[in-house]
């Protein structure tokens, strides 16, 4: 049995969308990050790092978005969520790893600088610099998507809903992400996928309100 621990609007949305895309049965457990549930004893027994997503596979736990997305893609090959070619599969994982290691930390520094610097006086500067760098990385994703349907070209993969997370977070920052034509086109195509749309509706994503799909 598969159980996904998630929180609406968090990076767990990508794992949520990937599982939904497979059509397999799975349980969902929402962990209220706003109320600090991730720091409670019950959840820390599941993930000592106090983070989502977490995927429970029977009695084993998988943490970290890239690991979960790769597992889902490999576990359900019929869903074709990873490229069939081993080199292209590695390239897909490489893109997700880059997002996880480069883009994600910038968002966290911009959103919660107090977690990274103790000096209150410099926190605004740290946040501003991280936000500017985050915007540059969004532009990098947009440049990569030029002339492509999906992150890996013509093939939809788990990398696509993962990229959508950071589009949504750019909008949360008030960044002019709609000006990024290729990235915005990816978002539109994702909203047209029934599985992704179900997840966004379930999570009450602001992406649905921003530009509904006709």
N, C-alpha and C. Protein backbone atom coordinates (compact mmCIF):
# COMPACT_ATOMS: atom_id res chain seq x y z
N UNK A 1 0.84 -1.20 0.00
CA UNK A 1 0.00 0.00 0.00
C UNK A 1 0.88 1.25 0.00
N UNK A 2 0.47 2.24 -0.76
CA UNK A 2 1.19 3.50 -0.83
C UNK A 2 0.45 4.58 -0.05
N UNK A 3 1.20 5.33 0.75
CA UNK A 3 0.62 6.44 1.50
C UNK A 3 1.50 7.67 1.26
N UNK A 4 0.87 8.74 0.78
CA UNK A 4 1.59 10.00 0.55
C UNK A 4 1.27 10.97 1.67
N UNK A 5 2.31 11.48 2.30
CA UNK A 5 2.18 12.55 3.29
C UNK A 5 2.53 13.84 2.56
N UNK A 6 1.61 14.80 2.59
CA UNK A 6 1.76 16.00 1.78
C UNK A 6 1.14 17.19 2.49
N UNK A 7 1.32 18.37 1.88
CA UNK A 7 0.61 19.56 2.33
C UNK A 7 0.26 20.38 1.10
N UNK A 8 -0.98 20.84 0.97
CA UNK A 8 -1.37 21.61 -0.21
C UNK A 8 -0.46 22.81 -0.46
N UNK A 9 0.01 22.91 -1.70
CA UNK A 9 0.84 24.04 -2.09
C UNK A 9 2.32 23.84 -1.84
N UNK A 10 2.68 22.79 -1.11
CA UNK A 10 4.10 22.50 -0.86
C UNK A 10 4.68 21.76 -2.06
N UNK A 11 5.99 21.48 -2.02
CA UNK A 11 6.61 20.79 -3.14
C UNK A 11 6.09 19.36 -3.28
N UNK A 12 5.38 18.88 -2.28
CA UNK A 12 4.75 17.56 -2.35
C UNK A 12 3.69 17.48 -3.44
N UNK A 13 3.28 18.63 -3.97
CA UNK A 13 2.30 18.63 -5.06
C UNK A 13 2.78 17.80 -6.24
N UNK A 14 4.08 17.82 -6.51
CA UNK A 14 4.61 17.07 -7.65
C UNK A 14 4.42 15.56 -7.45
N UNK A 15 4.76 15.07 -6.26
CA UNK A 15 4.56 13.65 -5.97
C UNK A 15 3.08 13.29 -6.00
N UNK A 16 2.25 14.18 -5.49
CA UNK A 16 0.80 14.00 -5.50
C UNK A 16 0.31 13.83 -6.94
N UNK A 17 0.78 14.70 -7.84
CA UNK A 17 0.37 14.65 -9.25
C UNK A 17 0.90 13.39 -9.93
N UNK A 18 2.13 13.00 -9.60
CA UNK A 18 2.71 11.81 -10.22
C UNK A 18 1.92 10.56 -9.83
N UNK A 19 1.60 10.42 -8.56
CA UNK A 19 0.81 9.27 -8.12
C UNK A 19 -0.57 9.27 -8.77
N UNK A 20 -1.17 10.43 -8.86
CA UNK A 20 -2.50 10.53 -9.49
C UNK A 20 -2.43 10.11 -10.95
N UNK A 21 -1.35 10.44 -11.60
CA UNK A 21 -1.17 10.12 -13.03
C UNK A 21 -1.09 8.61 -13.26
N UNK A 22 -0.58 7.88 -12.28
CA UNK A 22 -0.42 6.43 -12.46
C UNK A 22 -1.75 5.68 -12.44
N UNK A 23 -2.76 6.26 -11.81
CA UNK A 23 -4.04 5.59 -11.67
C UNK A 23 -4.06 4.53 -10.59
N UNK A 24 -2.98 4.40 -9.83
CA UNK A 24 -2.93 3.41 -8.77
C UNK A 24 -3.68 3.90 -7.53
N UNK A 25 -4.06 2.96 -6.68
CA UNK A 25 -4.70 3.33 -5.41
C UNK A 25 -3.62 3.76 -4.43
N UNK A 26 -3.87 4.85 -3.73
CA UNK A 26 -2.95 5.32 -2.70
C UNK A 26 -3.72 6.14 -1.68
N UNK A 27 -3.17 6.19 -0.48
CA UNK A 27 -3.78 6.99 0.57
C UNK A 27 -3.07 8.34 0.65
N UNK A 28 -3.81 9.35 1.09
CA UNK A 28 -3.25 10.68 1.26
C UNK A 28 -3.41 11.10 2.72
N UNK A 29 -2.33 11.62 3.28
CA UNK A 29 -2.37 12.14 4.64
C UNK A 29 -1.82 13.56 4.60
N UNK A 30 -2.67 14.53 4.89
CA UNK A 30 -2.23 15.92 4.89
C UNK A 30 -1.55 16.25 6.21
N UNK A 31 -0.36 16.82 6.12
CA UNK A 31 0.41 17.23 7.29
C UNK A 31 0.36 18.75 7.33
N UNK A 32 -0.25 19.30 8.36
CA UNK A 32 -0.47 20.74 8.43
C UNK A 32 0.82 21.48 8.79
N UNK A 33 1.52 21.95 7.76
CA UNK A 33 2.78 22.65 7.99
C UNK A 33 2.56 23.99 8.68
N UNK A 34 1.44 24.63 8.42
CA UNK A 34 1.19 25.94 9.03
C UNK A 34 1.01 25.83 10.54
N UNK A 35 0.46 24.71 10.97
CA UNK A 35 0.23 24.49 12.40
C UNK A 35 1.40 23.78 13.07
N UNK A 36 2.44 23.49 12.29
CA UNK A 36 3.62 22.86 12.86
C UNK A 36 3.50 21.36 13.09
N UNK A 37 2.55 20.73 12.42
CA UNK A 37 2.35 19.29 12.63
C UNK A 37 3.59 18.49 12.25
N UNK A 38 4.38 19.03 11.31
CA UNK A 38 5.59 18.33 10.86
C UNK A 38 6.63 18.21 11.98
N UNK A 39 6.50 19.05 12.99
CA UNK A 39 7.45 19.02 14.11
C UNK A 39 6.97 18.17 15.28
N UNK A 40 5.78 17.65 15.17
CA UNK A 40 5.23 16.84 16.25
C UNK A 40 5.84 15.45 16.31
N UNK A 41 5.71 14.84 17.44
CA UNK A 41 6.33 13.53 17.67
C UNK A 41 5.82 12.49 16.69
N UNK A 42 4.53 12.53 16.37
CA UNK A 42 3.94 11.51 15.50
C UNK A 42 4.56 11.55 14.11
N UNK A 43 4.67 12.76 13.55
CA UNK A 43 5.23 12.84 12.20
C UNK A 43 6.73 12.64 12.21
N UNK A 44 7.42 13.10 13.25
CA UNK A 44 8.87 12.92 13.31
C UNK A 44 9.24 11.44 13.33
N UNK A 45 8.35 10.59 13.78
CA UNK A 45 8.61 9.15 13.72
C UNK A 45 8.55 8.64 12.28
N UNK A 46 7.82 9.37 11.44
CA UNK A 46 7.72 9.02 10.02
C UNK A 46 8.90 9.61 9.26
N UNK A 47 9.17 10.90 9.49
CA UNK A 47 10.31 11.57 8.87
C UNK A 47 10.96 12.47 9.91
N UNK A 48 12.10 12.08 10.39
CA UNK A 48 12.79 12.83 11.45
C UNK A 48 13.18 14.23 10.99
N UNK A 49 13.23 14.45 9.66
CA UNK A 49 13.57 15.78 9.14
C UNK A 49 12.39 16.75 9.20
N UNK A 50 11.20 16.22 9.43
CA UNK A 50 10.03 17.08 9.54
C UNK A 50 9.65 17.75 8.24
N UNK A 51 9.72 17.01 7.14
CA UNK A 51 9.43 17.57 5.82
C UNK A 51 8.48 16.67 5.04
N UNK A 52 7.75 17.29 4.13
CA UNK A 52 6.99 16.56 3.13
C UNK A 52 7.61 16.89 1.77
N UNK A 53 7.45 15.99 0.79
CA UNK A 53 6.65 14.78 0.81
C UNK A 53 7.36 13.61 1.47
N UNK A 54 6.54 12.68 1.89
CA UNK A 54 7.00 11.36 2.34
C UNK A 54 6.10 10.34 1.66
N UNK A 55 6.70 9.29 1.16
CA UNK A 55 5.92 8.20 0.59
C UNK A 55 6.20 6.94 1.39
N UNK A 56 5.14 6.41 1.99
CA UNK A 56 5.27 5.13 2.69
C UNK A 56 4.92 4.02 1.70
N UNK A 57 5.84 3.08 1.54
CA UNK A 57 5.62 1.92 0.68
C UNK A 57 5.60 0.70 1.59
N UNK A 58 4.38 0.27 1.93
CA UNK A 58 4.20 -0.78 2.93
C UNK A 58 4.85 -0.33 4.24
N UNK A 59 5.95 -0.96 4.66
CA UNK A 59 6.56 -0.59 5.94
C UNK A 59 7.85 0.21 5.75
N UNK A 60 8.11 0.68 4.52
CA UNK A 60 9.31 1.46 4.26
C UNK A 60 8.97 2.89 3.88
N UNK A 61 9.89 3.79 4.18
CA UNK A 61 9.67 5.21 3.97
C UNK A 61 10.64 5.74 2.92
N UNK A 62 10.11 6.55 1.99
CA UNK A 62 10.95 7.27 1.03
C UNK A 62 10.73 8.76 1.27
N UNK A 63 11.81 9.51 1.41
CA UNK A 63 11.72 10.96 1.56
C UNK A 63 12.40 11.63 0.37
N UNK A 64 12.20 12.93 0.25
CA UNK A 64 12.79 13.78 -0.80
C UNK A 64 12.04 13.61 -2.13
N UNK A 65 11.67 14.75 -2.70
CA UNK A 65 10.86 14.76 -3.93
C UNK A 65 11.51 13.99 -5.07
N UNK A 66 12.79 14.21 -5.30
CA UNK A 66 13.44 13.56 -6.45
C UNK A 66 13.40 12.04 -6.30
N UNK A 67 13.67 11.55 -5.10
CA UNK A 67 13.65 10.10 -4.87
C UNK A 67 12.24 9.55 -5.07
N UNK A 68 11.25 10.25 -4.55
CA UNK A 68 9.86 9.78 -4.66
C UNK A 68 9.40 9.80 -6.11
N UNK A 69 9.69 10.88 -6.82
CA UNK A 69 9.28 10.98 -8.22
C UNK A 69 9.96 9.91 -9.07
N UNK A 70 11.24 9.67 -8.81
CA UNK A 70 11.94 8.62 -9.56
C UNK A 70 11.35 7.26 -9.25
N UNK A 71 11.05 7.00 -7.98
CA UNK A 71 10.45 5.73 -7.60
C UNK A 71 9.11 5.53 -8.30
N UNK A 72 8.27 6.54 -8.28
CA UNK A 72 6.95 6.42 -8.91
C UNK A 72 7.09 6.14 -10.40
N UNK A 73 8.01 6.86 -11.05
CA UNK A 73 8.21 6.63 -12.48
C UNK A 73 8.69 5.22 -12.78
N UNK A 74 9.57 4.69 -11.95
CA UNK A 74 10.11 3.35 -12.17
C UNK A 74 9.13 2.25 -11.74
N UNK A 75 8.37 2.53 -10.69
CA UNK A 75 7.42 1.53 -10.17
C UNK A 75 6.25 1.32 -11.12
N UNK A 76 5.87 2.36 -11.84
CA UNK A 76 4.70 2.29 -12.72
C UNK A 76 5.11 2.62 -14.16
N UNK A 77 5.87 1.74 -14.80
CA UNK A 77 6.36 2.03 -16.16
C UNK A 77 5.25 2.23 -17.17
N UNK A 78 4.08 1.62 -16.92
CA UNK A 78 2.98 1.77 -17.85
C UNK A 78 2.50 3.21 -17.95
N UNK A 79 2.75 4.00 -16.91
CA UNK A 79 2.35 5.42 -16.94
C UNK A 79 3.32 6.27 -17.74
N UNK A 80 4.47 5.74 -18.06
CA UNK A 80 5.48 6.41 -18.89
C UNK A 80 5.86 7.78 -18.33
N UNK A 81 6.12 7.81 -17.03
CA UNK A 81 6.47 9.06 -16.36
C UNK A 81 7.97 9.33 -16.33
N UNK A 82 8.73 8.39 -16.87
CA UNK A 82 10.17 8.60 -17.08
C UNK A 82 10.48 8.20 -18.51
N UNK A 83 11.48 8.82 -19.11
CA UNK A 83 11.88 8.40 -20.46
C UNK A 83 12.31 6.95 -20.48
N UNK A 84 12.04 6.27 -21.60
CA UNK A 84 12.41 4.86 -21.71
C UNK A 84 13.91 4.70 -21.91
N UNK A 85 14.54 5.64 -22.57
CA UNK A 85 15.98 5.58 -22.81
C UNK A 85 16.74 5.88 -21.53
N UNK A 86 17.69 5.03 -21.13
CA UNK A 86 18.41 5.25 -19.87
C UNK A 86 19.13 6.60 -19.79
N UNK A 87 19.68 7.06 -20.91
CA UNK A 87 20.36 8.36 -20.90
C UNK A 87 19.36 9.47 -20.66
N UNK A 88 18.21 9.40 -21.33
CA UNK A 88 17.20 10.43 -21.14
C UNK A 88 16.60 10.36 -19.75
N UNK A 89 16.48 9.15 -19.20
CA UNK A 89 16.01 9.02 -17.81
C UNK A 89 16.98 9.72 -16.86
N UNK A 90 18.27 9.51 -17.09
CA UNK A 90 19.28 10.17 -16.25
C UNK A 90 19.21 11.68 -16.41
N UNK A 91 18.96 12.16 -17.62
CA UNK A 91 18.84 13.60 -17.85
C UNK A 91 17.62 14.17 -17.14
N UNK A 92 16.53 13.41 -17.11
CA UNK A 92 15.33 13.83 -16.40
C UNK A 92 15.61 13.94 -14.91
N UNK A 93 16.29 12.93 -14.36
CA UNK A 93 16.64 12.97 -12.94
C UNK A 93 17.61 14.12 -12.67
N UNK A 94 18.50 14.38 -13.62
CA UNK A 94 19.44 15.50 -13.49
C UNK A 94 18.71 16.83 -13.37
N UNK A 95 17.69 17.03 -14.20
CA UNK A 95 16.92 18.27 -14.12
C UNK A 95 16.23 18.40 -12.76
N UNK A 96 15.64 17.32 -12.30
CA UNK A 96 14.97 17.37 -11.00
C UNK A 96 15.96 17.64 -9.88
N UNK A 97 17.14 17.04 -9.98
CA UNK A 97 18.17 17.26 -8.97
C UNK A 97 18.63 18.70 -8.96
N UNK A 98 18.77 19.28 -10.15
CA UNK A 98 19.16 20.70 -10.24
C UNK A 98 18.10 21.59 -9.60
N UNK A 99 16.83 21.31 -9.87
CA UNK A 99 15.76 22.09 -9.26
C UNK A 99 15.81 21.96 -7.74
N UNK A 100 15.99 20.73 -7.27
CA UNK A 100 16.01 20.48 -5.83
C UNK A 100 17.19 21.14 -5.14
N UNK A 101 18.35 21.11 -5.79
CA UNK A 101 19.57 21.57 -5.13
C UNK A 101 19.87 23.05 -5.38
N UNK A 102 19.28 23.63 -6.43
CA UNK A 102 19.60 25.01 -6.80
C UNK A 102 18.40 25.95 -6.67
N UNK A 103 17.28 25.57 -7.23
CA UNK A 103 16.11 26.46 -7.24
C UNK A 103 15.41 26.45 -5.89
N UNK A 104 15.18 25.27 -5.35
CA UNK A 104 14.46 25.16 -4.09
C UNK A 104 15.12 25.91 -2.94
N UNK A 105 16.43 25.80 -2.73
CA UNK A 105 17.06 26.53 -1.63
C UNK A 105 16.91 28.04 -1.74
N UNK A 106 16.87 28.55 -2.96
CA UNK A 106 16.71 29.99 -3.15
C UNK A 106 15.33 30.44 -2.67
N UNK A 107 14.33 29.66 -2.99
CA UNK A 107 12.99 30.00 -2.51
C UNK A 107 12.95 30.04 -0.99
N UNK A 108 13.57 29.06 -0.37
CA UNK A 108 13.52 28.97 1.09
C UNK A 108 14.27 30.13 1.74
N UNK A 109 15.37 30.55 1.15
CA UNK A 109 16.09 31.71 1.69
C UNK A 109 15.29 32.99 1.52
N UNK A 110 14.60 33.10 0.40
CA UNK A 110 13.80 34.29 0.16
C UNK A 110 12.57 34.33 1.05
N UNK A 111 11.94 33.18 1.26
CA UNK A 111 10.71 33.12 2.04
C UNK A 111 10.95 33.17 3.54
N UNK A 112 12.04 32.52 4.00
CA UNK A 112 12.30 32.44 5.45
C UNK A 112 13.77 32.73 5.74
N UNK A 113 14.23 33.95 5.51
CA UNK A 113 15.66 34.24 5.73
C UNK A 113 16.10 34.04 7.18
N UNK A 114 15.16 34.12 8.12
CA UNK A 114 15.51 33.95 9.53
C UNK A 114 16.03 32.54 9.83
N UNK A 115 15.75 31.61 8.96
CA UNK A 115 16.27 30.26 9.16
C UNK A 115 17.73 30.13 8.74
N UNK A 116 18.24 31.15 8.06
CA UNK A 116 19.58 31.06 7.50
C UNK A 116 20.56 32.08 8.08
N UNK A 117 20.02 33.20 8.59
CA UNK A 117 20.90 34.21 9.18
C UNK A 117 20.30 34.68 10.49
N UNK A 118 21.15 34.80 11.52
CA UNK A 118 20.67 35.22 12.84
C UNK A 118 20.54 36.74 12.96
N UNK A 119 21.29 37.47 12.18
CA UNK A 119 21.30 38.93 12.24
C UNK A 119 20.06 39.49 11.54
N UNK A 120 19.14 40.02 12.31
CA UNK A 120 17.89 40.54 11.74
C UNK A 120 18.14 41.65 10.73
N UNK A 121 19.18 42.42 10.95
CA UNK A 121 19.44 43.57 10.09
C UNK A 121 19.74 43.17 8.65
N UNK A 122 20.32 42.00 8.46
CA UNK A 122 20.69 41.62 7.09
C UNK A 122 19.69 40.67 6.43
N UNK A 123 18.68 40.29 7.18
CA UNK A 123 17.70 39.36 6.60
C UNK A 123 17.00 39.91 5.36
N UNK A 124 16.59 41.19 5.33
CA UNK A 124 15.97 41.71 4.11
C UNK A 124 16.88 41.61 2.89
N UNK A 125 18.16 41.87 3.08
CA UNK A 125 19.11 41.79 1.97
C UNK A 125 19.28 40.35 1.50
N UNK A 126 19.33 39.42 2.45
CA UNK A 126 19.44 38.00 2.10
C UNK A 126 18.21 37.56 1.31
N UNK A 127 17.03 37.95 1.77
CA UNK A 127 15.79 37.58 1.10
C UNK A 127 15.73 38.18 -0.30
N UNK A 128 16.12 39.44 -0.43
CA UNK A 128 16.07 40.12 -1.73
C UNK A 128 17.03 39.47 -2.72
N UNK A 129 18.23 39.14 -2.27
CA UNK A 129 19.21 38.51 -3.15
C UNK A 129 18.74 37.13 -3.59
N UNK A 130 18.15 36.38 -2.66
CA UNK A 130 17.66 35.04 -2.99
C UNK A 130 16.49 35.12 -3.96
N UNK A 131 15.62 36.09 -3.76
CA UNK A 131 14.47 36.27 -4.66
C UNK A 131 14.94 36.61 -6.06
N UNK A 132 15.93 37.48 -6.17
CA UNK A 132 16.47 37.85 -7.48
C UNK A 132 17.10 36.63 -8.17
N UNK A 133 17.85 35.84 -7.40
CA UNK A 133 18.46 34.64 -7.97
C UNK A 133 17.41 33.61 -8.36
N UNK A 134 16.35 33.51 -7.56
CA UNK A 134 15.25 32.59 -7.87
C UNK A 134 14.63 32.96 -9.20
N UNK A 135 14.43 34.25 -9.41
CA UNK A 135 13.85 34.73 -10.67
C UNK A 135 14.75 34.37 -11.85
N UNK A 136 16.05 34.48 -11.67
CA UNK A 136 16.99 34.10 -12.72
C UNK A 136 16.87 32.62 -13.05
N UNK A 137 16.72 31.79 -12.04
CA UNK A 137 16.57 30.35 -12.29
C UNK A 137 15.25 30.05 -13.00
N UNK A 138 14.19 30.80 -12.70
CA UNK A 138 12.93 30.64 -13.44
C UNK A 138 13.14 30.98 -14.91
N UNK A 139 13.93 31.98 -15.16
CA UNK A 139 14.24 32.35 -16.54
C UNK A 139 15.05 31.24 -17.22
N UNK A 140 15.92 30.58 -16.47
CA UNK A 140 16.68 29.45 -17.01
C UNK A 140 15.74 28.32 -17.43
N UNK A 141 14.74 28.04 -16.60
CA UNK A 141 13.77 27.00 -16.95
C UNK A 141 12.99 27.40 -18.19
N UNK A 142 12.60 28.67 -18.26
CA UNK A 142 11.89 29.16 -19.44
C UNK A 142 12.74 29.01 -20.69
N UNK A 143 14.03 29.33 -20.61
CA UNK A 143 14.92 29.20 -21.76
C UNK A 143 15.04 27.73 -22.19
N UNK A 144 15.12 26.85 -21.20
CA UNK A 144 15.21 25.41 -21.51
C UNK A 144 13.97 24.93 -22.24
N UNK A 145 12.81 25.49 -21.90
CA UNK A 145 11.54 25.05 -22.48
C UNK A 145 11.27 25.61 -23.87
N UNK A 146 12.07 26.53 -24.33
CA UNK A 146 11.85 27.12 -25.65
C UNK A 146 11.81 26.02 -26.71
N UNK A 147 10.73 25.96 -27.47
CA UNK A 147 10.59 24.97 -28.53
C UNK A 147 10.24 23.58 -28.06
N UNK A 148 9.97 23.42 -26.77
CA UNK A 148 9.64 22.10 -26.22
C UNK A 148 8.19 22.09 -25.72
N UNK A 149 7.60 20.91 -25.74
CA UNK A 149 6.27 20.74 -25.16
C UNK A 149 6.37 20.51 -23.66
N UNK A 150 7.34 19.67 -23.28
CA UNK A 150 7.53 19.33 -21.87
C UNK A 150 9.00 19.52 -21.50
N UNK A 151 9.32 19.36 -20.25
CA UNK A 151 10.70 19.57 -19.81
C UNK A 151 11.68 18.66 -20.54
N UNK A 152 11.23 17.46 -20.90
CA UNK A 152 12.11 16.53 -21.61
C UNK A 152 11.82 16.49 -23.10
N UNK A 153 11.17 17.51 -23.61
CA UNK A 153 10.90 17.57 -25.04
C UNK A 153 9.46 17.22 -25.34
N UNK A 154 9.24 16.13 -26.09
CA UNK A 154 7.87 15.72 -26.44
C UNK A 154 7.27 14.76 -25.44
N UNK A 155 8.03 14.38 -24.42
CA UNK A 155 7.61 13.33 -23.49
C UNK A 155 7.30 13.93 -22.12
N UNK A 156 6.05 13.79 -21.69
CA UNK A 156 5.66 14.20 -20.34
C UNK A 156 6.32 13.28 -19.33
N UNK A 157 6.91 13.88 -18.30
CA UNK A 157 7.58 13.10 -17.25
C UNK A 157 7.26 13.68 -15.88
N UNK A 158 7.77 13.02 -14.85
CA UNK A 158 7.60 13.52 -13.49
C UNK A 158 8.29 14.86 -13.28
N UNK A 159 9.21 15.22 -14.17
CA UNK A 159 9.90 16.51 -14.06
C UNK A 159 8.95 17.68 -14.28
N UNK A 160 7.87 17.46 -15.03
CA UNK A 160 6.96 18.56 -15.37
C UNK A 160 6.15 19.07 -14.19
N UNK A 161 5.46 18.21 -13.42
CA UNK A 161 4.78 18.75 -12.24
C UNK A 161 5.76 19.29 -11.21
N UNK A 162 6.99 18.77 -11.19
CA UNK A 162 7.99 19.31 -10.27
C UNK A 162 8.34 20.74 -10.67
N UNK A 163 8.49 20.98 -11.96
CA UNK A 163 8.76 22.35 -12.42
C UNK A 163 7.58 23.27 -12.12
N UNK A 164 6.36 22.73 -12.17
CA UNK A 164 5.18 23.54 -11.90
C UNK A 164 5.16 24.09 -10.49
N UNK A 165 5.70 23.33 -9.54
CA UNK A 165 5.77 23.80 -8.15
C UNK A 165 6.46 25.16 -8.08
N UNK A 166 7.55 25.31 -8.81
CA UNK A 166 8.37 26.51 -8.69
C UNK A 166 7.81 27.66 -9.52
N UNK A 167 7.01 27.33 -10.51
CA UNK A 167 6.22 28.36 -11.20
C UNK A 167 5.21 28.95 -10.22
N UNK A 168 4.52 28.07 -9.51
CA UNK A 168 3.53 28.54 -8.54
C UNK A 168 4.18 29.38 -7.45
N UNK A 169 5.34 28.98 -7.00
CA UNK A 169 6.01 29.73 -5.94
C UNK A 169 6.52 31.08 -6.45
N UNK A 170 6.89 31.16 -7.71
CA UNK A 170 7.27 32.46 -8.28
C UNK A 170 6.09 33.41 -8.25
N UNK A 171 4.92 32.89 -8.59
CA UNK A 171 3.71 33.71 -8.54
C UNK A 171 3.42 34.14 -7.11
N UNK A 172 3.68 33.26 -6.15
CA UNK A 172 3.46 33.59 -4.74
C UNK A 172 4.35 34.77 -4.32
N UNK A 173 5.54 34.83 -4.88
CA UNK A 173 6.46 35.92 -4.59
C UNK A 173 6.06 37.23 -5.29
N UNK A 174 5.11 37.14 -6.20
CA UNK A 174 4.76 38.33 -6.97
C UNK A 174 5.68 38.58 -8.15
N UNK A 175 6.47 37.58 -8.51
CA UNK A 175 7.36 37.71 -9.66
C UNK A 175 6.53 37.64 -10.95
N UNK A 176 6.94 38.33 -12.01
CA UNK A 176 6.15 38.39 -13.25
C UNK A 176 6.30 37.12 -14.08
N UNK A 177 5.99 35.99 -13.49
CA UNK A 177 6.26 34.71 -14.13
C UNK A 177 5.41 34.51 -15.38
N UNK A 178 4.27 35.18 -15.48
CA UNK A 178 3.44 35.05 -16.68
C UNK A 178 4.14 35.64 -17.91
N UNK A 179 5.17 36.44 -17.69
CA UNK A 179 5.94 36.98 -18.80
C UNK A 179 6.86 35.93 -19.42
N UNK A 180 7.06 34.84 -18.73
CA UNK A 180 7.89 33.74 -19.24
C UNK A 180 7.00 32.85 -20.10
N UNK A 181 7.02 33.09 -21.40
CA UNK A 181 6.05 32.47 -22.30
C UNK A 181 6.13 30.94 -22.31
N UNK A 182 7.32 30.40 -22.41
CA UNK A 182 7.44 28.94 -22.50
C UNK A 182 7.08 28.26 -21.18
N UNK A 183 7.51 28.85 -20.08
CA UNK A 183 7.20 28.30 -18.76
C UNK A 183 5.69 28.39 -18.52
N UNK A 184 5.08 29.50 -18.91
CA UNK A 184 3.63 29.66 -18.75
C UNK A 184 2.87 28.69 -19.63
N UNK A 185 3.40 28.41 -20.83
CA UNK A 185 2.75 27.43 -21.71
C UNK A 185 2.81 26.04 -21.09
N UNK A 186 3.93 25.71 -20.42
CA UNK A 186 4.02 24.44 -19.71
C UNK A 186 2.94 24.36 -18.64
N UNK A 187 2.80 25.42 -17.87
CA UNK A 187 1.78 25.46 -16.84
C UNK A 187 0.39 25.22 -17.42
N UNK A 188 0.10 25.87 -18.55
CA UNK A 188 -1.21 25.72 -19.17
C UNK A 188 -1.44 24.27 -19.60
N UNK A 189 -0.43 23.66 -20.21
CA UNK A 189 -0.58 22.27 -20.64
C UNK A 189 -0.77 21.34 -19.45
N UNK A 190 -0.08 21.62 -18.36
CA UNK A 190 -0.23 20.80 -17.17
C UNK A 190 -1.65 20.90 -16.61
N UNK A 191 -2.21 22.09 -16.61
CA UNK A 191 -3.57 22.26 -16.10
C UNK A 191 -4.59 21.54 -16.98
N UNK A 192 -4.22 21.23 -18.20
CA UNK A 192 -5.13 20.51 -19.09
C UNK A 192 -5.05 18.99 -18.89
N UNK A 193 -4.05 18.53 -18.12
CA UNK A 193 -3.97 17.10 -17.84
C UNK A 193 -4.94 16.78 -16.69
N UNK A 194 -5.86 15.85 -16.90
CA UNK A 194 -6.87 15.56 -15.86
C UNK A 194 -6.27 15.23 -14.50
N UNK A 195 -5.21 14.44 -14.46
CA UNK A 195 -4.63 14.05 -13.17
C UNK A 195 -4.06 15.26 -12.44
N UNK A 196 -3.35 16.10 -13.16
CA UNK A 196 -2.77 17.30 -12.54
C UNK A 196 -3.88 18.23 -12.06
N UNK A 197 -4.89 18.38 -12.87
CA UNK A 197 -5.98 19.29 -12.49
C UNK A 197 -6.72 18.78 -11.26
N UNK A 198 -6.92 17.47 -11.17
CA UNK A 198 -7.57 16.92 -9.98
C UNK A 198 -6.77 17.25 -8.73
N UNK A 199 -5.46 17.12 -8.83
CA UNK A 199 -4.61 17.40 -7.68
C UNK A 199 -4.66 18.88 -7.31
N UNK A 200 -4.59 19.75 -8.29
CA UNK A 200 -4.64 21.18 -8.01
C UNK A 200 -5.98 21.59 -7.42
N UNK A 201 -7.05 20.97 -7.88
CA UNK A 201 -8.37 21.25 -7.31
C UNK A 201 -8.45 20.72 -5.88
N UNK A 202 -7.89 19.54 -5.66
CA UNK A 202 -7.89 18.95 -4.31
C UNK A 202 -7.09 19.82 -3.35
N UNK A 203 -5.99 20.39 -3.85
CA UNK A 203 -5.13 21.22 -3.01
C UNK A 203 -5.54 22.69 -3.01
N UNK A 204 -6.62 23.01 -3.79
CA UNK A 204 -7.11 24.40 -3.88
C UNK A 204 -5.98 25.36 -4.29
N UNK A 205 -5.30 24.97 -5.34
CA UNK A 205 -4.14 25.73 -5.80
C UNK A 205 -4.54 27.08 -6.38
N UNK A 206 -3.82 28.15 -6.02
CA UNK A 206 -4.05 29.48 -6.64
C UNK A 206 -3.82 29.47 -8.14
N UNK A 207 -3.09 28.48 -8.66
CA UNK A 207 -2.86 28.42 -10.10
C UNK A 207 -4.17 28.28 -10.87
N UNK A 208 -5.15 27.64 -10.27
CA UNK A 208 -6.44 27.48 -10.94
C UNK A 208 -7.20 28.80 -11.01
N UNK A 209 -7.07 29.61 -9.98
CA UNK A 209 -7.77 30.89 -9.96
C UNK A 209 -7.11 31.91 -10.87
N UNK A 210 -5.80 31.77 -11.03
CA UNK A 210 -5.05 32.76 -11.80
C UNK A 210 -5.42 32.73 -13.28
N UNK A 211 -5.61 31.54 -13.81
CA UNK A 211 -5.90 31.43 -15.23
C UNK A 211 -6.60 30.13 -15.50
N UNK A 212 -7.92 30.10 -15.32
CA UNK A 212 -8.64 28.85 -15.52
C UNK A 212 -8.53 28.35 -16.95
N UNK A 213 -8.53 27.02 -17.08
CA UNK A 213 -8.48 26.41 -18.40
C UNK A 213 -9.88 26.32 -18.96
N UNK A 214 -10.05 26.76 -20.20
CA UNK A 214 -11.38 26.75 -20.82
C UNK A 214 -11.73 25.36 -21.29
